[in-house]
Amino acid sequence: MSKQALLISVRPRFAQMIFDGSKTVELRRVRPRVGKGDLVFVYVSSPVKALEGVFEIDEVACTSPNAVWHRFGKKTALSKHEFETYYEGTQEAYAIAVARYWRLSSPVELAALKKQQKDFYPPRVITTSLSRISHIRWALFFPHLFLRRNQNRHELVCF
């Protein structure tokens, strides 16, 4: 059962690859407080500036950058040089594996997000309990998705 939701900013290039299925591992330098079955909401940074979709987590791996590269390298959509530059000076690397994803048919632009929540700023990393996301917010942010509870777990359903 999903208990947490993570909101992250992703560059347009990587968001496109997540939602076309060619990038199946998202990398982070800071430990995400989520796990298998939790959801990650993807805000796409400039010039897009919109919430474009969500994915379900298959697993979160925490290990050395070298071990992450050997296990997930090709799934990250990064060159070895980009990977090494990203993790330069760190001892731990976090890999978030994508189980399945949903791309919004109508992305929620930054202006709409700020209108809904005045203190909204594009995220670095925000974690919240799914129980805090009301059905009203789901309907506003994701008019073509709804959260359904099915056999003790939440499912996102597209229509």
Protein backbone atom coordinates (compact mmCIF):
# COMPACT_ATOMS: atom_id res chain seq x y z
CA MET A 1 0.00 0.00 0.00
CA SER A 2 1.39 3.39 -0.96
CA LYS A 3 2.01 5.51 2.10
CA GLN A 4 4.20 8.31 0.78
CA ALA A 5 4.40 10.58 -2.23
CA LEU A 6 7.53 12.32 -3.43
CA LEU A 7 7.53 15.46 -5.57
CA ILE A 8 10.72 15.98 -7.57
CA SER A 9 11.99 18.34 -10.25
CA VAL A 10 13.39 16.71 -13.36
CA ARG A 11 14.96 18.29 -16.43
CA PRO A 12 12.78 18.10 -19.57
CA ARG A 13 15.16 15.69 -21.30
CA PHE A 14 14.93 13.17 -18.45
CA ALA A 15 11.18 13.59 -17.92
CA GLN A 16 10.60 12.75 -21.58
CA MET A 17 12.66 9.58 -21.18
CA ILE A 18 10.85 8.57 -17.98
CA PHE A 19 7.50 8.90 -19.73
CA ASP A 20 8.56 7.12 -22.90
CA GLY A 21 9.98 4.24 -20.82
CA SER A 22 13.64 4.62 -21.84
CA LYS A 23 14.77 5.93 -18.41
CA THR A 24 13.70 3.49 -15.74
CA VAL A 25 15.91 4.69 -12.88
CA GLU A 26 15.89 8.19 -11.39
CA LEU A 27 19.01 9.21 -9.48
CA ARG A 28 19.20 11.32 -6.32
CA ARG A 29 22.01 12.60 -4.12
CA VAL A 30 19.73 12.95 -1.09
CA ARG A 31 18.02 9.94 0.49
CA PRO A 32 14.38 9.88 -0.58
CA ARG A 33 12.00 8.94 2.22
CA VAL A 34 9.93 6.63 0.05
CA GLY A 35 9.95 2.97 -0.85
CA LYS A 36 8.45 0.28 -3.04
CA GLY A 37 4.88 1.08 -4.06
CA ASP A 38 5.09 4.77 -3.18
CA LEU A 39 4.47 7.43 -5.82
CA VAL A 40 6.80 10.04 -7.33
CA PHE A 41 5.22 13.12 -8.88
CA VAL A 42 7.35 14.59 -11.65
CA TYR A 43 7.59 18.36 -11.99
CA VAL A 44 9.48 19.26 -15.17
CA SER A 45 11.84 22.21 -14.80
CA SER A 46 12.35 25.18 -17.12
CA PRO A 47 11.39 25.84 -19.83
CA VAL A 48 8.41 23.46 -19.33
CA LYS A 49 7.58 24.40 -15.71
CA ALA A 50 4.76 21.93 -15.21
CA LEU A 51 3.73 18.82 -13.32
CA GLU A 52 3.72 16.22 -16.10
CA GLY A 53 3.09 12.87 -14.47
CA VAL A 54 3.73 10.32 -11.78
CA PHE A 55 5.44 6.99 -11.39
CA GLU A 56 5.24 4.14 -8.93
CA ILE A 57 8.45 3.03 -7.24
CA ASP A 58 9.69 -0.50 -7.80
CA GLU A 59 12.63 -0.11 -5.40
CA VAL A 60 14.99 2.42 -3.86
CA ALA A 61 18.64 1.38 -3.80
CA CYS A 62 21.14 3.06 -1.49
CA THR A 63 24.77 2.20 -2.11
CA SER A 64 28.00 3.64 -3.45
CA PRO A 65 27.94 5.58 -6.73
CA ASN A 66 30.14 2.88 -8.30
CA ALA A 67 27.70 0.11 -7.31
CA VAL A 68 24.72 2.14 -8.59
CA TRP A 69 26.46 2.64 -11.93
CA HIS A 70 27.27 -1.06 -12.30
CA ARG A 71 23.73 -2.12 -11.43
CA PHE A 72 21.67 0.62 -13.09
CA GLY A 73 23.97 2.56 -15.43
CA LYS A 74 22.18 1.88 -18.71
CA LYS A 75 18.78 2.49 -17.11
CA THR A 76 19.70 6.01 -15.95
CA ALA A 77 19.96 7.60 -19.43
CA LEU A 78 23.26 9.20 -18.42
CA SER A 79 26.71 8.83 -19.86
CA LYS A 80 29.39 7.59 -17.46
CA HIS A 81 30.86 11.12 -17.43
CA GLU A 82 27.48 12.72 -16.56
CA PHE A 83 26.96 10.14 -13.83
CA GLU A 84 30.40 10.72 -12.30
CA THR A 85 29.95 14.49 -12.43
CA TYR A 86 26.55 14.22 -10.71
CA TYR A 87 27.91 12.09 -7.86
CA GLU A 88 31.31 13.78 -7.55
CA GLY A 89 32.28 14.14 -3.89
CA THR A 90 29.56 11.84 -2.53
CA GLN A 91 29.86 8.47 -0.82
CA GLU A 92 26.24 7.38 -1.23
CA ALA A 93 24.00 7.25 -4.27
CA TYR A 94 20.26 6.68 -4.41
CA ALA A 95 18.54 5.00 -7.34
CA ILE A 96 14.75 5.05 -7.62
CA ALA A 97 13.55 2.31 -9.98
CA VAL A 98 10.32 2.94 -11.88
CA ALA A 99 7.68 0.20 -11.71
CA ARG A 100 5.11 1.94 -13.92
CA TYR A 101 4.32 5.48 -14.94
CA TRP A 102 1.46 7.73 -15.96
CA ARG A 103 1.89 10.86 -18.08
CA LEU A 104 -0.78 13.51 -17.72
CA SER A 105 -2.66 14.28 -20.91
CA SER A 106 -2.76 17.91 -19.76
CA PRO A 107 0.27 18.91 -17.69
CA VAL A 108 -0.41 21.19 -14.70
CA GLU A 109 1.55 24.38 -15.32
CA LEU A 110 3.39 26.26 -12.59
CA ALA A 111 0.86 29.11 -12.64
CA ALA A 112 -1.98 26.67 -11.95
CA LEU A 113 0.00 25.02 -9.14
CA LYS A 114 0.66 28.43 -7.55
CA LYS A 115 -2.99 29.41 -7.95
CA GLN A 116 -4.03 26.25 -6.10
CA GLN A 117 -1.38 26.64 -3.40
CA LYS A 118 0.01 30.16 -3.10
CA ASP A 119 3.26 29.11 -1.43
CA PHE A 120 4.05 26.46 -4.05
CA TYR A 121 7.57 26.61 -5.44
CA PRO A 122 9.16 24.13 -7.85
CA PRO A 123 10.47 21.31 -5.68
CA ARG A 124 13.91 20.17 -4.89
CA VAL A 125 12.43 17.21 -3.02
CA ILE A 126 9.16 17.15 -1.11
CA THR A 127 7.79 14.05 0.61
CA THR A 128 4.26 13.85 1.98
CA SER A 129 1.81 11.24 3.14
CA LEU A 130 -0.73 10.25 0.49
CA SER A 131 -3.45 10.61 3.10
CA ARG A 132 -2.70 14.37 3.12
CA ILE A 133 -3.57 14.68 -0.56
CA SER A 134 -7.29 15.18 -0.54
CA HIS A 135 -9.53 13.86 -3.28
CA ILE A 136 -10.32 17.49 -4.13
CA ARG A 137 -6.63 18.15 -4.84
CA TRP A 138 -6.41 14.96 -6.88
CA ALA A 139 -9.34 16.17 -8.97
CA LEU A 140 -7.79 19.63 -9.45
CA PHE A 141 -4.27 18.50 -10.27
CA PHE A 142 -5.11 15.27 -12.06
CA PRO A 143 -8.57 15.61 -13.63
CA HIS A 144 -8.05 12.46 -15.74
CA LEU A 145 -6.57 10.38 -12.90
CA PHE A 146 -8.10 9.25 -9.69
CA LEU A 147 -6.78 7.38 -6.71
CA ARG A 148 -8.63 4.16 -5.99
CA ARG A 149 -8.09 1.84 -3.07
CA ASN A 150 -7.95 -1.77 -4.18
CA GLN A 151 -7.19 -4.65 -1.83
CA ASN A 152 -5.24 -2.56 0.71
CA ARG A 153 -3.26 -0.58 -1.84
CA HIS A 154 -3.78 2.58 -3.81
CA GLU A 155 -3.95 2.54 -7.59
CA LEU A 156 -3.85 5.43 -9.99
CA VAL A 157 -6.48 4.95 -12.64
CA CYS A 158 -6.44 6.81 -15.96
CA PHE A 159 -9.63 7.61 -17.79
